[in-house]
């Protein structure tokens, strides 16, 4: 898809225009929880997941 595109902009448009199967990623994100990326030093009231 990328190599067949005439320009980088068209390659990007082709990549983001189609849905991608998440595979195991969705399950991993669900298990990780909403605050998995919250820095430990950041108070929970300031975290917006």
PDB file of N, CA and C in Angstrom:
ATOM      1  N   UNK A   1       0.827  -1.180   0.000  1.00  0.00           N
ATOM      2  CA  UNK A   1       0.000   0.000   0.000  1.00  0.00           C
ATOM      3  C   UNK A   1       0.876   1.251   0.000  1.00  0.00           C
ATOM      4  N   UNK A   2       1.883   1.270   0.837  1.00  0.00           N
ATOM      5  CA  UNK A   2       2.728   2.453   0.932  1.00  0.00           C
ATOM      6  C   UNK A   2       3.595   2.599  -0.313  1.00  0.00           C
ATOM      7  N   UNK A   3       4.201   1.527  -0.748  1.00  0.00           N
ATOM      8  CA  UNK A   3       5.089   1.599  -1.916  1.00  0.00           C
ATOM      9  C   UNK A   3       4.319   1.867  -3.208  1.00  0.00           C
ATOM     10  N   UNK A   4       3.059   1.459  -3.247  1.00  0.00           N
ATOM     11  CA  UNK A   4       2.268   1.668  -4.466  1.00  0.00           C
ATOM     12  C   UNK A   4       1.690   3.069  -4.564  1.00  0.00           C
ATOM     13  N   UNK A   5       1.689   3.804  -3.470  1.00  0.00           N
ATOM     14  CA  UNK A   5       1.123   5.153  -3.482  1.00  0.00           C
ATOM     15  C   UNK A   5       2.059   6.105  -4.225  1.00  0.00           C
ATOM     16  N   UNK A   6       1.498   6.968  -5.044  1.00  0.00           N
ATOM     17  CA  UNK A   6       2.323   7.915  -5.804  1.00  0.00           C
ATOM     18  C   UNK A   6       3.043   8.944  -4.924  1.00  0.00           C
ATOM     19  N   UNK A   7       2.433   9.316  -3.795  1.00  0.00           N
ATOM     20  CA  UNK A   7       3.042  10.314  -2.913  1.00  0.00           C
ATOM     21  C   UNK A   7       2.909   9.860  -1.459  1.00  0.00           C
ATOM     22  N   UNK A   8       3.748  10.377  -0.576  1.00  0.00           N
ATOM     23  CA  UNK A   8       3.605  10.053   0.844  1.00  0.00           C
ATOM     24  C   UNK A   8       2.244  10.462   1.409  1.00  0.00           C
ATOM     25  N   UNK A   9       1.712  11.580   0.936  1.00  0.00           N
ATOM     26  CA  UNK A   9       0.406  12.032   1.420  1.00  0.00           C
ATOM     27  C   UNK A   9      -0.691  11.038   1.048  1.00  0.00           C
ATOM     28  N   UNK A  10      -0.620  10.485  -0.149  1.00  0.00           N
ATOM     29  CA  UNK A  10      -1.616   9.495  -0.564  1.00  0.00           C
ATOM     30  C   UNK A  10      -1.437   8.189   0.203  1.00  0.00           C
ATOM     31  N   UNK A  11      -0.209   7.831   0.515  1.00  0.00           N
ATOM     32  CA  UNK A  11       0.036   6.636   1.320  1.00  0.00           C
ATOM     33  C   UNK A  11      -0.571   6.807   2.706  1.00  0.00           C
ATOM     34  N   UNK A  12      -0.366   7.965   3.292  1.00  0.00           N
ATOM     35  CA  UNK A  12      -0.934   8.252   4.612  1.00  0.00           C
ATOM     36  C   UNK A  12      -2.452   8.196   4.569  1.00  0.00           C
ATOM     37  N   UNK A  13      -3.044   8.816   3.565  1.00  0.00           N
ATOM     38  CA  UNK A  13      -4.501   8.816   3.433  1.00  0.00           C
ATOM     39  C   UNK A  13      -5.034   7.394   3.297  1.00  0.00           C
ATOM     40  N   UNK A  14      -4.339   6.558   2.548  1.00  0.00           N
ATOM     41  CA  UNK A  14      -4.774   5.171   2.377  1.00  0.00           C
ATOM     42  C   UNK A  14      -4.677   4.403   3.686  1.00  0.00           C
ATOM     43  N   UNK A  15      -3.626   4.649   4.453  1.00  0.00           N
ATOM     44  CA  UNK A  15      -3.446   3.936   5.716  1.00  0.00           C
ATOM     45  C   UNK A  15      -4.497   4.308   6.755  1.00  0.00           C
ATOM     46  N   UNK A  16      -4.848   5.587   6.832  1.00  0.00           N
ATOM     47  CA  UNK A  16      -5.795   6.003   7.864  1.00  0.00           C
ATOM     48  C   UNK A  16      -7.248   5.902   7.418  1.00  0.00           C
ATOM     49  N   UNK A  17      -7.478   5.593   6.158  1.00  0.00           N
ATOM     50  CA  UNK A  17      -8.853   5.524   5.667  1.00  0.00           C
ATOM     51  C   UNK A  17      -9.510   4.173   5.915  1.00  0.00           C
ATOM     52  N   UNK A  18      -8.728   3.171   6.263  1.00  0.00           N
ATOM     53  CA  UNK A  18      -9.316   1.848   6.450  1.00  0.00           C
ATOM     54  C   UNK A  18      -9.226   1.419   7.906  1.00  0.00           C
ATOM     55  N   UNK A  19     -10.187   0.619   8.344  1.00  0.00           N
ATOM     56  CA  UNK A  19     -10.118   0.107   9.719  1.00  0.00           C
ATOM     57  C   UNK A  19      -9.051  -0.985   9.822  1.00  0.00           C
ATOM     58  N   UNK A  20      -8.405  -1.066  10.958  1.00  0.00           N
ATOM     59  CA  UNK A  20      -7.386  -2.080  11.193  1.00  0.00           C
ATOM     60  C   UNK A  20      -7.832  -2.962  12.347  1.00  0.00           C
ATOM     61  N   UNK A  21      -7.634  -4.253  12.199  1.00  0.00           N
ATOM     62  CA  UNK A  21      -7.976  -5.206  13.249  1.00  0.00           C
ATOM     63  C   UNK A  21      -7.000  -5.023  14.406  1.00  0.00           C
ATOM     64  N   UNK A  22      -7.537  -4.818  15.594  1.00  0.00           N
ATOM     65  CA  UNK A  22      -6.687  -4.597  16.753  1.00  0.00           C
ATOM     66  C   UNK A  22      -6.063  -5.875  17.294  1.00  0.00           C
ATOM     67  N   UNK A  23      -6.622  -7.015  16.927  1.00  0.00           N
ATOM     68  CA  UNK A  23      -6.081  -8.270  17.438  1.00  0.00           C
ATOM     69  C   UNK A  23      -6.180  -8.323  18.951  1.00  0.00           C
ATOM     70  N   UNK A  24      -5.083  -8.615  19.609  1.00  0.00           N
ATOM     71  CA  UNK A  24      -5.060  -8.732  21.071  1.00  0.00           C
ATOM     72  C   UNK A  24      -4.945  -7.391  21.781  1.00  0.00           C
ATOM     73  N   UNK A  25      -4.730  -6.333  21.050  1.00  0.00           N
ATOM     74  CA  UNK A  25      -4.499  -5.029  21.665  1.00  0.00           C
ATOM     75  C   UNK A  25      -5.708  -4.570  22.474  1.00  0.00           C
ATOM     76  N   UNK A  26      -6.904  -4.742  21.965  1.00  0.00           N
ATOM     77  CA  UNK A  26      -8.103  -4.302  22.684  1.00  0.00           C
ATOM     78  C   UNK A  26      -8.208  -5.002  24.031  1.00  0.00           C
ATOM     79  N   UNK A  27      -7.951  -6.289  24.068  1.00  0.00           N
ATOM     80  CA  UNK A  27      -8.016  -7.040  25.327  1.00  0.00           C
ATOM     81  C   UNK A  27      -6.928  -6.575  26.294  1.00  0.00           C
ATOM     82  N   UNK A  28      -5.737  -6.306  25.780  1.00  0.00           N
ATOM     83  CA  UNK A  28      -4.649  -5.832  26.644  1.00  0.00           C
ATOM     84  C   UNK A  28      -4.979  -4.463  27.240  1.00  0.00           C
ATOM     85  N   UNK A  29      -5.556  -3.578  26.437  1.00  0.00           N
ATOM     86  CA  UNK A  29      -5.932  -2.264  26.940  1.00  0.00           C
ATOM     87  C   UNK A  29      -7.024  -2.366  27.993  1.00  0.00           C
ATOM     88  N   UNK A  30      -7.962  -3.257  27.788  1.00  0.00           N
ATOM     89  CA  UNK A  30      -9.038  -3.461  28.758  1.00  0.00           C
ATOM     90  C   UNK A  30      -8.468  -3.949  30.088  1.00  0.00           C
ATOM     91  N   UNK A  31      -7.540  -4.893  30.041  1.00  0.00           N
ATOM     92  CA  UNK A  31      -6.933  -5.422  31.268  1.00  0.00           C
ATOM     93  C   UNK A  31      -6.066  -4.376  31.963  1.00  0.00           C
ATOM     94  N   UNK A  32      -5.434  -3.509  31.191  1.00  0.00           N
ATOM     95  CA  UNK A  32      -4.538  -2.505  31.771  1.00  0.00           C
ATOM     96  C   UNK A  32      -5.298  -1.480  32.598  1.00  0.00           C
ATOM     97  N   UNK A  33      -6.505  -1.155  32.196  1.00  0.00           N
ATOM     98  CA  UNK A  33      -7.302  -0.183  32.935  1.00  0.00           C
ATOM     99  C   UNK A  33      -7.132   1.231  32.414  1.00  0.00           C
ATOM    100  N   UNK A  34      -7.997   2.096  32.893  1.00  0.00           N
ATOM    101  CA  UNK A  34      -8.033   3.477  32.411  1.00  0.00           C
ATOM    102  C   UNK A  34      -6.813   4.302  32.801  1.00  0.00           C
ATOM    103  N   UNK A  35      -6.200   3.980  33.924  1.00  0.00           N
ATOM    104  CA  UNK A  35      -5.088   4.811  34.372  1.00  0.00           C
ATOM    105  C   UNK A  35      -3.720   4.169  34.127  1.00  0.00           C
ATOM    106  N   UNK A  36      -3.631   3.236  33.218  1.00  0.00           N
ATOM    107  CA  UNK A  36      -2.375   2.530  32.954  1.00  0.00           C
ATOM    108  C   UNK A  36      -1.266   3.473  32.484  1.00  0.00           C
ATOM    109  N   UNK A  37      -1.615   4.555  31.822  1.00  0.00           N
ATOM    110  CA  UNK A  37      -0.604   5.479  31.306  1.00  0.00           C
ATOM    111  C   UNK A  37      -0.411   6.696  32.204  1.00  0.00           C
ATOM    112  N   UNK A  38      -1.123   6.736  33.324  1.00  0.00           N
ATOM    113  CA  UNK A  38      -1.001   7.890  34.225  1.00  0.00           C
ATOM    114  C   UNK A  38       0.336   7.838  34.946  1.00  0.00           C
ATOM    115  N   UNK A  39       1.125   8.908  34.884  1.00  0.00           N
ATOM    116  CA  UNK A  39       2.384   8.930  35.635  1.00  0.00           C
ATOM    117  C   UNK A  39       2.099   8.786  37.129  1.00  0.00           C
ATOM    118  N   UNK A  40       2.966   8.091  37.842  1.00  0.00           N
ATOM    119  CA  UNK A  40       2.755   7.861  39.274  1.00  0.00           C
ATOM    120  C   UNK A  40       2.706   9.165  40.056  1.00  0.00           C
ATOM    121  N   UNK A  41       3.426  10.183  39.607  1.00  0.00           N
ATOM    122  CA  UNK A  41       3.478  11.445  40.328  1.00  0.00           C
ATOM    123  C   UNK A  41       2.244  12.308  40.103  1.00  0.00           C
ATOM    124  N   UNK A  42       1.428  11.984  39.125  1.00  0.00           N
ATOM    125  CA  UNK A  42       0.250  12.792  38.811  1.00  0.00           C
ATOM    126  C   UNK A  42      -0.925  12.339  39.667  1.00  0.00           C
ATOM    127  N   UNK A  43      -1.468  13.261  40.419  1.00  0.00           N
ATOM    128  CA  UNK A  43      -2.602  12.937  41.286  1.00  0.00           C
ATOM    129  C   UNK A  43      -3.798  12.489  40.445  1.00  0.00           C
ATOM    130  N   UNK A  44      -4.550  11.483  40.921  1.00  0.00           N
ATOM    131  CA  UNK A  44      -5.677  10.942  40.148  1.00  0.00           C
ATOM    132  C   UNK A  44      -6.718  11.988  39.741  1.00  0.00           C
ATOM    133  N   UNK A  45      -6.912  13.016  40.572  1.00  0.00           N
ATOM    134  CA  UNK A  45      -7.932  14.012  40.224  1.00  0.00           C
ATOM    135  C   UNK A  45      -7.547  14.844  39.002  1.00  0.00           C
ATOM    136  N   UNK A  46      -6.269  14.824  38.638  1.00  0.00           N
ATOM    137  CA  UNK A  46      -5.828  15.567  37.463  1.00  0.00           C
ATOM    138  C   UNK A  46      -5.719  14.696  36.220  1.00  0.00           C
ATOM    139  N   UNK A  47      -5.997  13.434  36.363  1.00  0.00           N
ATOM    140  CA  UNK A  47      -5.910  12.497  35.238  1.00  0.00           C
ATOM    141  C   UNK A  47      -7.243  12.421  34.534  1.00  0.00           C
ATOM    142  N   UNK A  48      -7.212  12.548  33.257  1.00  0.00           N
ATOM    143  CA  UNK A  48      -8.430  12.438  32.455  1.00  0.00           C
ATOM    144  C   UNK A  48      -8.218  11.352  31.428  1.00  0.00           C
ATOM    145  N   UNK A  49      -8.693  10.179  31.716  1.00  0.00           N
ATOM    146  CA  UNK A  49      -8.506   9.050  30.801  1.00  0.00           C
ATOM    147  C   UNK A  49      -9.580   9.020  29.754  1.00  0.00           C
TER     148      UNK A  49
END
